[in-house]
C-alpha atoms as a PDB file:
ATOM      1  CA  UNK A   1      45.910  78.577  56.632  1.00  0.00           C
ATOM      2  CA  UNK A   2      48.867  77.736  58.872  1.00  0.00           C
ATOM      3  CA  UNK A   3      50.027  80.506  61.221  1.00  0.00           C
ATOM      4  CA  UNK A   4      53.832  80.579  61.147  1.00  0.00           C
ATOM      5  CA  UNK A   5      55.498  81.626  64.369  1.00  0.00           C
ATOM      6  CA  UNK A   6      58.919  82.718  65.584  1.00  0.00           C
ATOM      7  CA  UNK A   7      59.633  82.111  69.268  1.00  0.00           C
ATOM      8  CA  UNK A   8      62.282  84.135  71.075  1.00  0.00           C
ATOM      9  CA  UNK A   9      63.718  82.677  74.275  1.00  0.00           C
ATOM     10  CA  UNK A  10      64.541  78.973  74.575  1.00  0.00           C
ATOM     11  CA  UNK A  11      64.558  78.998  78.382  1.00  0.00           C
ATOM     12  CA  UNK A  12      62.106  77.476  80.859  1.00  0.00           C
ATOM     13  CA  UNK A  13      59.065  79.429  79.661  1.00  0.00           C
ATOM     14  CA  UNK A  14      59.900  79.206  75.987  1.00  0.00           C
ATOM     15  CA  UNK A  15      59.875  75.411  76.326  1.00  0.00           C
ATOM     16  CA  UNK A  16      56.416  75.576  77.950  1.00  0.00           C
ATOM     17  CA  UNK A  17      55.132  77.481  74.919  1.00  0.00           C
ATOM     18  CA  UNK A  18      56.739  75.027  72.482  1.00  0.00           C
ATOM     19  CA  UNK A  19      55.077  72.131  74.328  1.00  0.00           C
ATOM     20  CA  UNK A  20      51.705  73.899  74.246  1.00  0.00           C
ATOM     21  CA  UNK A  21      51.933  74.843  70.564  1.00  0.00           C
ATOM     22  CA  UNK A  22      52.532  71.190  69.613  1.00  0.00           C
ATOM     23  CA  UNK A  23      48.922  70.515  70.694  1.00  0.00           C
ATOM     24  CA  UNK A  24      47.425  73.321  68.582  1.00  0.00           C
ATOM     25  CA  UNK A  25      46.388  72.620  64.981  1.00  0.00           C
ATOM     26  CA  UNK A  26      47.189  75.111  62.232  1.00  0.00           C
ATOM     27  CA  UNK A  27      50.304  76.561  63.874  1.00  0.00           C
ATOM     28  CA  UNK A  28      53.958  75.959  62.994  1.00  0.00           C
ATOM     29  CA  UNK A  29      57.048  77.328  64.749  1.00  0.00           C
ATOM     30  CA  UNK A  30      59.467  78.193  61.931  1.00  0.00           C
ATOM     31  CA  UNK A  31      62.171  80.098  63.825  1.00  0.00           C
ATOM     32  CA  UNK A  32      63.727  79.872  67.292  1.00  0.00           C
ATOM     33  CA  UNK A  33      65.777  82.739  68.711  1.00  0.00           C
ATOM     34  CA  UNK A  34      67.911  82.638  71.861  1.00  0.00           C
ATOM     35  CA  UNK A  35      71.255  83.857  73.261  1.00  0.00           C
ATOM     36  CA  UNK A  36      73.296  80.656  72.984  1.00  0.00           C
ATOM     37  CA  UNK A  37      73.343  79.411  69.378  1.00  0.00           C
ATOM     38  CA  UNK A  38      74.388  75.844  70.234  1.00  0.00           C
ATOM     39  CA  UNK A  39      71.616  75.452  72.811  1.00  0.00           C
ATOM     40  CA  UNK A  40      69.128  77.125  70.457  1.00  0.00           C
ATOM     41  CA  UNK A  41      70.004  74.701  67.677  1.00  0.00           C
ATOM     42  CA  UNK A  42      69.602  71.748  70.040  1.00  0.00           C
ATOM     43  CA  UNK A  43      66.124  72.867  71.124  1.00  0.00           C
ATOM     44  CA  UNK A  44      65.161  73.677  67.525  1.00  0.00           C
ATOM     45  CA  UNK A  45      66.178  70.200  66.413  1.00  0.00           C
ATOM     46  CA  UNK A  46      64.191  68.590  69.228  1.00  0.00           C
ATOM     47  CA  UNK A  47      61.023  70.453  68.209  1.00  0.00           C
ATOM     48  CA  UNK A  48      61.562  70.234  64.439  1.00  0.00           C
ATOM     49  CA  UNK A  49      62.152  73.955  63.948  1.00  0.00           C
ATOM     50  CA  UNK A  50      64.094  74.633  60.741  1.00  0.00           C
ATOM     51  CA  UNK A  51      65.617  78.037  61.596  1.00  0.00           C
ATOM     52  CA  UNK A  52      67.700  78.909  64.668  1.00  0.00           C
ATOM     53  CA  UNK A  53      69.413  82.229  65.365  1.00  0.00           C
ATOM     54  CA  UNK A  54      70.634  84.528  68.136  1.00  0.00           C
ATOM     55  CA  UNK A  55      69.189  87.655  66.504  1.00  0.00           C
ATOM     56  CA  UNK A  56      65.477  88.527  66.614  1.00  0.00           C
ATOM     57  CA  UNK A  57      65.897  90.697  63.504  1.00  0.00           C
ATOM     58  CA  UNK A  58      66.805  87.576  61.498  1.00  0.00           C
ATOM     59  CA  UNK A  59      63.386  86.123  62.261  1.00  0.00           C
ATOM     60  CA  UNK A  60      61.559  89.429  61.727  1.00  0.00           C
ATOM     61  CA  UNK A  61      63.074  89.582  58.233  1.00  0.00           C
ATOM     62  CA  UNK A  62      61.471  86.238  57.310  1.00  0.00           C
ATOM     63  CA  UNK A  63      58.414  86.981  55.156  1.00  0.00           C
ATOM     64  CA  UNK A  64      56.710  83.735  56.139  1.00  0.00           C
ATOM     65  CA  UNK A  65      56.679  84.673  59.846  1.00  0.00           C
ATOM     66  CA  UNK A  66      53.182  85.844  60.808  1.00  0.00           C
ATOM     67  CA  UNK A  67      53.607  86.158  64.562  1.00  0.00           C
ATOM     68  CA  UNK A  68      56.216  86.219  67.319  1.00  0.00           C
ATOM     69  CA  UNK A  69      56.114  84.970  70.904  1.00  0.00           C
ATOM     70  CA  UNK A  70      58.618  86.712  73.183  1.00  0.00           C
ATOM     71  CA  UNK A  71      59.904  84.717  76.177  1.00  0.00           C
ATOM     72  CA  UNK A  72      62.941  86.934  76.672  1.00  0.00           C
ATOM     73  CA  UNK A  73      64.278  88.881  79.692  1.00  0.00           C
ATOM     74  CA  UNK A  74      61.857  91.418  81.181  1.00  0.00           C
ATOM     75  CA  UNK A  75      63.972  94.433  80.288  1.00  0.00           C
ATOM     76  CA  UNK A  76      63.754  93.566  76.569  1.00  0.00           C
ATOM     77  CA  UNK A  77      59.996  93.004  76.354  1.00  0.00           C
ATOM     78  CA  UNK A  78      58.682  96.435  75.365  1.00  0.00           C
ATOM     79  CA  UNK A  79      61.434  97.216  72.829  1.00  0.00           C
ATOM     80  CA  UNK A  80      61.124  93.784  71.220  1.00  0.00           C
ATOM     81  CA  UNK A  81      57.322  94.009  71.096  1.00  0.00           C
ATOM     82  CA  UNK A  82      57.659  97.353  69.289  1.00  0.00           C
ATOM     83  CA  UNK A  83      60.169  95.813  66.855  1.00  0.00           C
ATOM     84  CA  UNK A  84      57.713  93.002  66.062  1.00  0.00           C
ATOM     85  CA  UNK A  85      54.850  95.424  65.427  1.00  0.00           C
ATOM     86  CA  UNK A  86      57.091  97.653  63.308  1.00  0.00           C
ATOM     87  CA  UNK A  87      57.979  94.566  61.230  1.00  0.00           C
ATOM     88  CA  UNK A  88      54.276  93.839  60.665  1.00  0.00           C
ATOM     89  CA  UNK A  89      54.174  90.788  62.940  1.00  0.00           C
ATOM     90  CA  UNK A  90      51.522  89.921  65.499  1.00  0.00           C
ATOM     91  CA  UNK A  91      53.138  89.571  68.913  1.00  0.00           C
ATOM     92  CA  UNK A  92      52.561  87.851  72.216  1.00  0.00           C
ATOM     93  CA  UNK A  93      54.977  89.045  74.886  1.00  0.00           C
ATOM     94  CA  UNK A  94      55.366  87.061  78.069  1.00  0.00           C
ATOM     95  CA  UNK A  95      54.531  88.785  81.324  1.00  0.00           C
ATOM     96  CA  UNK A  96      55.501  91.488  82.145  1.00  0.00           C
ATOM     97  CA  UNK A  97      54.764  93.793  79.210  1.00  0.00           C
ATOM     98  CA  UNK A  98      57.390  96.189  80.566  1.00  0.00           C
ATOM     99  CA  UNK A  99      59.200  97.273  83.718  1.00  0.00           C
ATOM    100  CA  UNK A 100      58.793 100.988  82.889  1.00  0.00           C
ATOM    101  CA  UNK A 101      55.169 102.096  82.473  1.00  0.00           C
ATOM    102  CA  UNK A 102      55.854 104.609  79.682  1.00  0.00           C
ATOM    103  CA  UNK A 103      57.382 101.834  77.548  1.00  0.00           C
ATOM    104  CA  UNK A 104      54.290  99.672  77.955  1.00  0.00           C
ATOM    105  CA  UNK A 105      52.093 102.623  77.001  1.00  0.00           C
ATOM    106  CA  UNK A 106      54.126 103.018  73.788  1.00  0.00           C
ATOM    107  CA  UNK A 107      53.472  99.371  72.876  1.00  0.00           C
ATOM    108  CA  UNK A 108      49.715  99.920  73.308  1.00  0.00           C
ATOM    109  CA  UNK A 109      49.861 103.074  71.181  1.00  0.00           C
ATOM    110  CA  UNK A 110      51.789 101.263  68.422  1.00  0.00           C
ATOM    111  CA  UNK A 111      49.335  98.347  68.458  1.00  0.00           C
ATOM    112  CA  UNK A 112      46.456 100.754  67.888  1.00  0.00           C
ATOM    113  CA  UNK A 113      48.330 102.333  64.968  1.00  0.00           C
ATOM    114  CA  UNK A 114      49.084  98.986  63.288  1.00  0.00           C
ATOM    115  CA  UNK A 115      45.890  97.096  64.104  1.00  0.00           C
ATOM    116  CA  UNK A 116      47.957  93.960  64.682  1.00  0.00           C
ATOM    117  CA  UNK A 117      47.240  91.504  67.504  1.00  0.00           C
ATOM    118  CA  UNK A 118      49.402  92.333  70.514  1.00  0.00           C
ATOM    119  CA  UNK A 119      48.857  90.262  73.633  1.00  0.00           C
ATOM    120  CA  UNK A 120      50.601  89.876  76.995  1.00  0.00           C
ATOM    121  CA  UNK A 121      50.997  86.525  78.749  1.00  0.00           C
ATOM    122  CA  UNK A 122      48.834  87.116  81.817  1.00  0.00           C
ATOM    123  CA  UNK A 123      48.364  83.371  82.239  1.00  0.00           C
ATOM    124  CA  UNK A 124      46.082  83.598  85.287  1.00  0.00           C
ATOM    125  CA  UNK A 125      43.255  84.788  83.021  1.00  0.00           C
ATOM    126  CA  UNK A 126      43.545  81.434  81.222  1.00  0.00           C
ATOM    127  CA  UNK A 127      44.158  78.873  83.997  1.00  0.00           C
ATOM    128  CA  UNK A 128      41.025  76.663  84.202  1.00  0.00           C
ATOM    129  CA  UNK A 129      40.826  77.327  87.957  1.00  0.00           C
ATOM    130  CA  UNK A 130      40.494  81.091  87.492  1.00  0.00           C
ATOM    131  CA  UNK A 131      38.269  80.665  84.431  1.00  0.00           C
ATOM    132  CA  UNK A 132      35.876  78.590  86.584  1.00  0.00           C
ATOM    133  CA  UNK A 133      35.679  81.406  89.140  1.00  0.00           C
ATOM    134  CA  UNK A 134      35.234  83.961  86.358  1.00  0.00           C
ATOM    135  CA  UNK A 135      32.270  82.027  84.966  1.00  0.00           C
ATOM    136  CA  UNK A 136      30.675  82.066  88.441  1.00  0.00           C
ATOM    137  CA  UNK A 137      31.177  85.838  88.617  1.00  0.00           C
ATOM    138  CA  UNK A 138      29.853  86.406  85.090  1.00  0.00           C
ATOM    139  CA  UNK A 139      26.763  84.322  85.911  1.00  0.00           C
ATOM    140  CA  UNK A 140      26.096  86.518  88.963  1.00  0.00           C
ATOM    141  CA  UNK A 141      26.643  83.578  91.345  1.00  0.00           C
ATOM    142  CA  UNK A 142      29.748  84.897  93.108  1.00  0.00           C
ATOM    143  CA  UNK A 143      31.197  88.265  94.023  1.00  0.00           C
ATOM    144  CA  UNK A 144      34.685  88.820  95.428  1.00  0.00           C
ATOM    145  CA  UNK A 145      34.981  90.387  98.854  1.00  0.00           C
ATOM    146  CA  UNK A 146      38.705  89.719  99.208  1.00  0.00           C
ATOM    147  CA  UNK A 147      41.471  87.978  97.305  1.00  0.00           C
ATOM    148  CA  UNK A 148      44.251  86.755  99.570  1.00  0.00           C
ATOM    149  CA  UNK A 149      47.291  85.838  97.492  1.00  0.00           C
ATOM    150  CA  UNK A 150      50.713  84.392  98.332  1.00  0.00           C
ATOM    151  CA  UNK A 151      53.499  84.381  95.730  1.00  0.00           C
ATOM    152  CA  UNK A 152      56.386  82.449  97.248  1.00  0.00           C
ATOM    153  CA  UNK A 153      59.723  81.258  95.858  1.00  0.00           C
ATOM    154  CA  UNK A 154      63.109  80.312  97.280  1.00  0.00           C
ATOM    155  CA  UNK A 155      65.400  82.228  94.952  1.00  0.00           C
ATOM    156  CA  UNK A 156      68.365  83.775  96.755  1.00  0.00           C
ATOM    157  CA  UNK A 157      70.566  83.286  93.701  1.00  0.00           C
ATOM    158  CA  UNK A 158      69.813  84.245  90.109  1.00  0.00           C
ATOM    159  CA  UNK A 159      68.288  80.977  88.844  1.00  0.00           C
ATOM    160  CA  UNK A 160      65.335  80.255  86.565  1.00  0.00           C
ATOM    161  CA  UNK A 161      62.500  77.768  87.054  1.00  0.00           C
ATOM    162  CA  UNK A 162      64.732  74.944  85.774  1.00  0.00           C
ATOM    163  CA  UNK A 163      67.508  75.757  88.270  1.00  0.00           C
ATOM    164  CA  UNK A 164      69.698  77.251  85.529  1.00  0.00           C
ATOM    165  CA  UNK A 165      71.597  80.569  85.840  1.00  0.00           C
ATOM    166  CA  UNK A 166      69.656  83.591  84.568  1.00  0.00           C
ATOM    167  CA  UNK A 167      71.133  86.332  82.398  1.00  0.00           C
ATOM    168  CA  UNK A 168      68.755  88.869  84.008  1.00  0.00           C
ATOM    169  CA  UNK A 169      67.190  89.550  87.392  1.00  0.00           C
ATOM    170  CA  UNK A 170      63.572  88.710  88.221  1.00  0.00           C
ATOM    171  CA  UNK A 171      61.389  91.205  90.108  1.00  0.00           C
ATOM    172  CA  UNK A 172      58.597  90.761  92.666  1.00  0.00           C
ATOM    173  CA  UNK A 173      56.705  93.912  91.637  1.00  0.00           C
ATOM    174  CA  UNK A 174      57.182  94.131  87.868  1.00  0.00           C
ATOM    175  CA  UNK A 175      56.767  90.412  87.201  1.00  0.00           C
ATOM    176  CA  UNK A 176      55.087  88.439  89.945  1.00  0.00           C
ATOM    177  CA  UNK A 177      52.759  91.139  91.293  1.00  0.00           C
ATOM    178  CA  UNK A 178      51.654  91.864  87.722  1.00  0.00           C
ATOM    179  CA  UNK A 179      49.877  88.487  87.598  1.00  0.00           C
ATOM    180  CA  UNK A 180      47.807  89.230  90.685  1.00  0.00           C
ATOM    181  CA  UNK A 181      47.087  92.928  90.129  1.00  0.00           C
ATOM    182  CA  UNK A 182      45.727  92.190  86.661  1.00  0.00           C
ATOM    183  CA  UNK A 183      43.775  89.116  87.804  1.00  0.00           C
ATOM    184  CA  UNK A 184      42.205  91.049  90.691  1.00  0.00           C
ATOM    185  CA  UNK A 185      40.827  93.802  88.442  1.00  0.00           C
ATOM    186  CA  UNK A 186      39.806  91.232  85.797  1.00  0.00           C
ATOM    187  CA  UNK A 187      37.886  89.068  88.279  1.00  0.00           C
ATOM    188  CA  UNK A 188      36.458  91.981  90.263  1.00  0.00           C
ATOM    189  CA  UNK A 189      35.419  93.696  87.031  1.00  0.00           C
ATOM    190  CA  UNK A 190      36.444  96.953  88.641  1.00  0.00           C
ATOM    191  CA  UNK A 191      39.571  99.178  88.490  1.00  0.00           C
ATOM    192  CA  UNK A 192      42.003  99.633  91.377  1.00  0.00           C
ATOM    193  CA  UNK A 193      41.354 102.908  93.226  1.00  0.00           C
ATOM    194  CA  UNK A 194      43.718 102.430  96.189  1.00  0.00           C
ATOM    195  CA  UNK A 195      47.116 100.729  96.189  1.00  0.00           C
ATOM    196  CA  UNK A 196      49.772 100.501  98.892  1.00  0.00           C
ATOM    197  CA  UNK A 197      53.108  98.655  99.018  1.00  0.00           C
ATOM    198  CA  UNK A 198      55.978  98.055 101.412  1.00  0.00           C
ATOM    199  CA  UNK A 199      59.132  96.044 100.816  1.00  0.00           C
ATOM    200  CA  UNK A 200      61.870  94.396 102.812  1.00  0.00           C
ATOM    201  CA  UNK A 201      65.640  94.950 102.546  1.00  0.00           C
ATOM    202  CA  UNK A 202      67.352  95.109  99.159  1.00  0.00           C
ATOM    203  CA  UNK A 203      69.499  92.031  98.425  1.00  0.00           C
ATOM    204  CA  UNK A 204      73.198  93.049  98.429  1.00  0.00           C
ATOM    205  CA  UNK A 205      74.070  91.352  95.109  1.00  0.00           C
ATOM    206  CA  UNK A 206      70.758  90.925  93.267  1.00  0.00           C
ATOM    207  CA  UNK A 207      69.787  94.548  93.934  1.00  0.00           C
ATOM    208  CA  UNK A 208      66.088  93.761  94.450  1.00  0.00           C
ATOM    209  CA  UNK A 209      63.744  93.464  97.424  1.00  0.00           C
ATOM    210  CA  UNK A 210      63.263  89.826  98.406  1.00  0.00           C
ATOM    211  CA  UNK A 211      59.998  90.423 100.289  1.00  0.00           C
ATOM    212  CA  UNK A 212      57.031  92.648  99.518  1.00  0.00           C
ATOM    213  CA  UNK A 213      53.467  93.282 100.685  1.00  0.00           C
ATOM    214  CA  UNK A 214      50.767  94.921  98.541  1.00  0.00           C
ATOM    215  CA  UNK A 215      47.212  96.023  99.366  1.00  0.00           C
ATOM    216  CA  UNK A 216      44.647  96.907  96.706  1.00  0.00           C
ATOM    217  CA  UNK A 217      41.068  98.172  96.705  1.00  0.00           C
ATOM    218  CA  UNK A 218      38.783  98.140  93.665  1.00  0.00           C
ATOM    219  CA  UNK A 219      36.150 100.752  92.911  1.00  0.00           C
ATOM    220  CA  UNK A 220      33.402  98.230  93.733  1.00  0.00           C
ATOM    221  CA  UNK A 221      34.810  97.701  97.257  1.00  0.00           C
ATOM    222  CA  UNK A 222      36.642  94.387  96.737  1.00  0.00           C
ATOM    223  CA  UNK A 223      40.093  94.221  98.312  1.00  0.00           C
ATOM    224  CA  UNK A 224      43.244  92.216  97.612  1.00  0.00           C
ATOM    225  CA  UNK A 225      46.058  91.326 100.002  1.00  0.00           C
ATOM    226  CA  UNK A 226      49.225  90.122  98.264  1.00  0.00           C
ATOM    227  CA  UNK A 227      52.350  88.737  99.957  1.00  0.00           C
ATOM    228  CA  UNK A 228      55.446  88.053  97.834  1.00  0.00           C
ATOM    229  CA  UNK A 229      58.794  86.508  98.775  1.00  0.00           C
ATOM    230  CA  UNK A 230      61.940  85.079  97.238  1.00  0.00           C
ATOM    231  CA  UNK A 231      62.954  83.900 100.741  1.00  0.00           C
ATOM    232  CA  UNK A 232      60.332  81.176 101.217  1.00  0.00           C
ATOM    233  CA  UNK A 233      61.843  77.722 101.698  1.00  0.00           C
ATOM    234  CA  UNK A 234      58.622  75.751 101.364  1.00  0.00           C
ATOM    235  CA  UNK A 235      55.825  75.117  98.867  1.00  0.00           C
ATOM    236  CA  UNK A 236      56.628  77.265  95.843  1.00  0.00           C
ATOM    237  CA  UNK A 237      54.302  79.131  93.503  1.00  0.00           C
ATOM    238  CA  UNK A 238      51.288  81.405  93.778  1.00  0.00           C
ATOM    239  CA  UNK A 239      48.225  80.476  95.795  1.00  0.00           C
ATOM    240  CA  UNK A 240      44.973  82.424  95.457  1.00  0.00           C
ATOM    241  CA  UNK A 241      42.178  82.443  98.021  1.00  0.00           C
ATOM    242  CA  UNK A 242      38.941  83.951  96.709  1.00  0.00           C
ATOM    243  CA  UNK A 243      36.729  85.021  99.610  1.00  0.00           C
ATOM    244  CA  UNK A 244      33.279  85.896  98.298  1.00  0.00           C
ATOM    245  CA  UNK A 245      29.645  86.381  99.190  1.00  0.00           C
ATOM    246  CA  UNK A 246      28.609  82.805  98.359  1.00  0.00           C
ATOM    247  CA  UNK A 247      31.758  80.770  98.965  1.00  0.00           C
ATOM    248  CA  UNK A 248      35.529  80.517  99.284  1.00  0.00           C
ATOM    249  CA  UNK A 249      37.754  79.093  96.554  1.00  0.00           C
ATOM    250  CA  UNK A 250      41.475  78.299  96.545  1.00  0.00           C
ATOM    251  CA  UNK A 251      43.312  78.258  93.217  1.00  0.00           C
ATOM    252  CA  UNK A 252      46.734  76.686  92.777  1.00  0.00           C
ATOM    253  CA  UNK A 253      47.700  77.178  89.144  1.00  0.00           C
ATOM    254  CA  UNK A 254      45.278  75.037  87.095  1.00  0.00           C
ATOM    255  CA  UNK A 255      43.721  73.309  90.141  1.00  0.00           C
ATOM    256  CA  UNK A 256      40.833  74.597  92.259  1.00  0.00           C
ATOM    257  CA  UNK A 257      39.514  73.724  95.737  1.00  0.00           C
ATOM    258  CA  UNK A 258      36.745  75.035  97.952  1.00  0.00           C
ATOM    259  CA  UNK A 259      37.433  76.587 101.344  1.00  0.00           C
ATOM    260  CA  UNK A 260      37.413  73.142 102.950  1.00  0.00           C
ATOM    261  CA  UNK A 261      40.207  71.978 100.587  1.00  0.00           C
ATOM    262  CA  UNK A 262      37.819  69.751  98.621  1.00  0.00           C
ATOM    263  CA  UNK A 263      38.798  69.567  94.917  1.00  0.00           C
ATOM    264  CA  UNK A 264      36.547  71.144  92.298  1.00  0.00           C
ATOM    265  CA  UNK A 265      36.443  69.557  88.831  1.00  0.00           C
ATOM    266  CA  UNK A 266      37.557  72.203  86.316  1.00  0.00           C
ATOM    267  CA  UNK A 267      38.389  69.725  83.528  1.00  0.00           C
ATOM    268  CA  UNK A 268      35.420  70.807  81.400  1.00  0.00           C
ATOM    269  CA  UNK A 269      36.065  74.549  81.657  1.00  0.00           C
ATOM    270  CA  UNK A 270      38.306  74.608  78.564  1.00  0.00           C
ATOM    271  CA  UNK A 271      39.795  72.291  75.943  1.00  0.00           C
ATOM    272  CA  UNK A 272      42.960  71.854  78.006  1.00  0.00           C
ATOM    273  CA  UNK A 273      44.094  71.946  81.626  1.00  0.00           C
ATOM    274  CA  UNK A 274      47.274  73.796  80.609  1.00  0.00           C
ATOM    275  CA  UNK A 275      47.063  77.566  81.107  1.00  0.00           C
ATOM    276  CA  UNK A 276      49.992  78.312  78.765  1.00  0.00           C
ATOM    277  CA  UNK A 277      48.445  76.254  75.966  1.00  0.00           C
ATOM    278  CA  UNK A 278      45.102  78.023  76.474  1.00  0.00           C
ATOM    279  CA  UNK A 279      46.863  81.385  76.394  1.00  0.00           C
ATOM    280  CA  UNK A 280      48.514  80.471  73.080  1.00  0.00           C
ATOM    281  CA  UNK A 281      45.216  79.193  71.672  1.00  0.00           C
ATOM    282  CA  UNK A 282      43.668  82.608  72.402  1.00  0.00           C
ATOM    283  CA  UNK A 283      46.554  84.387  70.651  1.00  0.00           C
ATOM    284  CA  UNK A 284      46.253  82.315  67.488  1.00  0.00           C
ATOM    285  CA  UNK A 285      42.441  82.459  67.495  1.00  0.00           C
ATOM    286  CA  UNK A 286      42.543  86.262  67.729  1.00  0.00           C
ATOM    287  CA  UNK A 287      44.917  86.382  64.735  1.00  0.00           C
ATOM    288  CA  UNK A 288      42.721  84.035  62.675  1.00  0.00           C
ATOM    289  CA  UNK A 289      39.527  85.908  63.600  1.00  0.00           C
ATOM    290  CA  UNK A 290      40.966  89.434  63.353  1.00  0.00           C
ATOM    291  CA  UNK A 291      39.865  90.449  66.853  1.00  0.00           C
ATOM    292  CA  UNK A 292      41.287  91.779  70.100  1.00  0.00           C
ATOM    293  CA  UNK A 293      42.455  88.915  72.331  1.00  0.00           C
ATOM    294  CA  UNK A 294      41.715  88.433  75.996  1.00  0.00           C
ATOM    295  CA  UNK A 295      44.833  89.807  77.722  1.00  0.00           C
ATOM    296  CA  UNK A 296      45.543  92.277  74.919  1.00  0.00           C
ATOM    297  CA  UNK A 297      48.238  94.817  75.719  1.00  0.00           C
ATOM    298  CA  UNK A 298      45.539  97.493  75.924  1.00  0.00           C
ATOM    299  CA  UNK A 299      43.470  95.510  78.437  1.00  0.00           C
ATOM    300  CA  UNK A 300      46.401  94.797  80.771  1.00  0.00           C
ATOM    301  CA  UNK A 301      47.987  98.266  80.672  1.00  0.00           C
ATOM    302  CA  UNK A 302      45.994  99.551  83.708  1.00  0.00           C
ATOM    303  CA  UNK A 303      47.755  96.937  85.841  1.00  0.00           C
ATOM    304  CA  UNK A 304      51.124  98.423  84.843  1.00  0.00           C
ATOM    305  CA  UNK A 305      49.907 101.905  85.746  1.00  0.00           C
ATOM    306  CA  UNK A 306      49.110 100.580  89.246  1.00  0.00           C
ATOM    307  CA  UNK A 307      52.597  99.059  89.494  1.00  0.00           C
ATOM    308  CA  UNK A 308      54.106 102.381  88.447  1.00  0.00           C
ATOM    309  CA  UNK A 309      52.207 104.062  91.291  1.00  0.00           C
ATOM    310  CA  UNK A 310      53.372 101.377  93.734  1.00  0.00           C
ATOM    311  CA  UNK A 311      56.979 101.772  92.575  1.00  0.00           C
ATOM    312  CA  UNK A 312      56.829 105.463  93.463  1.00  0.00           C
ATOM    313  CA  UNK A 313      55.864 104.473  97.022  1.00  0.00           C
ATOM    314  CA  UNK A 314      58.861 102.133  97.273  1.00  0.00           C
ATOM    315  CA  UNK A 315      61.518 104.630  96.153  1.00  0.00           C
END
């Protein structure tokens, strides 16, 4: 049976999902939703999507739609995820699940009531580099002592990953830190018991901190040091250093190196080297198999509780 999908958000990340879905059998995107109808129609035509609209409710009203992927602005995520569940649709919402903890908790509660698949796009769980490390941990061959993480961008104006103007404002804590806080607890296999944060000055027009530092400690003793910046004019992205009892590993998106910067072959870890595609494969497999997905909204909610606690420190 073909899983029929509506995708909301034809921006930089929505395109990544469309590219990934093209490589997955048994899935068809039947509706594309985005703000600008002309642009939405252009993207829909390129990817052979029959229906294009600016209103999510139009797609939710389509009986043939089984599932929705939300690649929309952060502030809309929780409300739109609830709307999808209320319409009887499985939903994958891009990271972050929410930027207010109580809203994320409501999504988890609604998922439990409906029994539908609800997943959040915590891509780091799916990158082959991090999966390779996770397999080492699961096999008892590696234990984390510290994760040292740098999340660096040069984004002093409101632009997306394609250099196009954004209709919303990104956030170091509620978006970028979410990746690392969740990955740390996932890889350590232990909840965060201590969390501290400090931030730099608030940008006069964007209204957000451009620099932030976060420290975490898990119940099993592992620690995480996270530095985030929108002021970094240099290599961009997130770089993870795993310091453990039997080795050091450096992950840069889907690529992995040892502590001496020697590459590690992760090509056989999964069926693809594309973390977004692997994330989507998990979503569709969970729907087909009627099970909870890795990165379900319930499994990632503790990370948002930690961010809520950190936000209170920054007020």
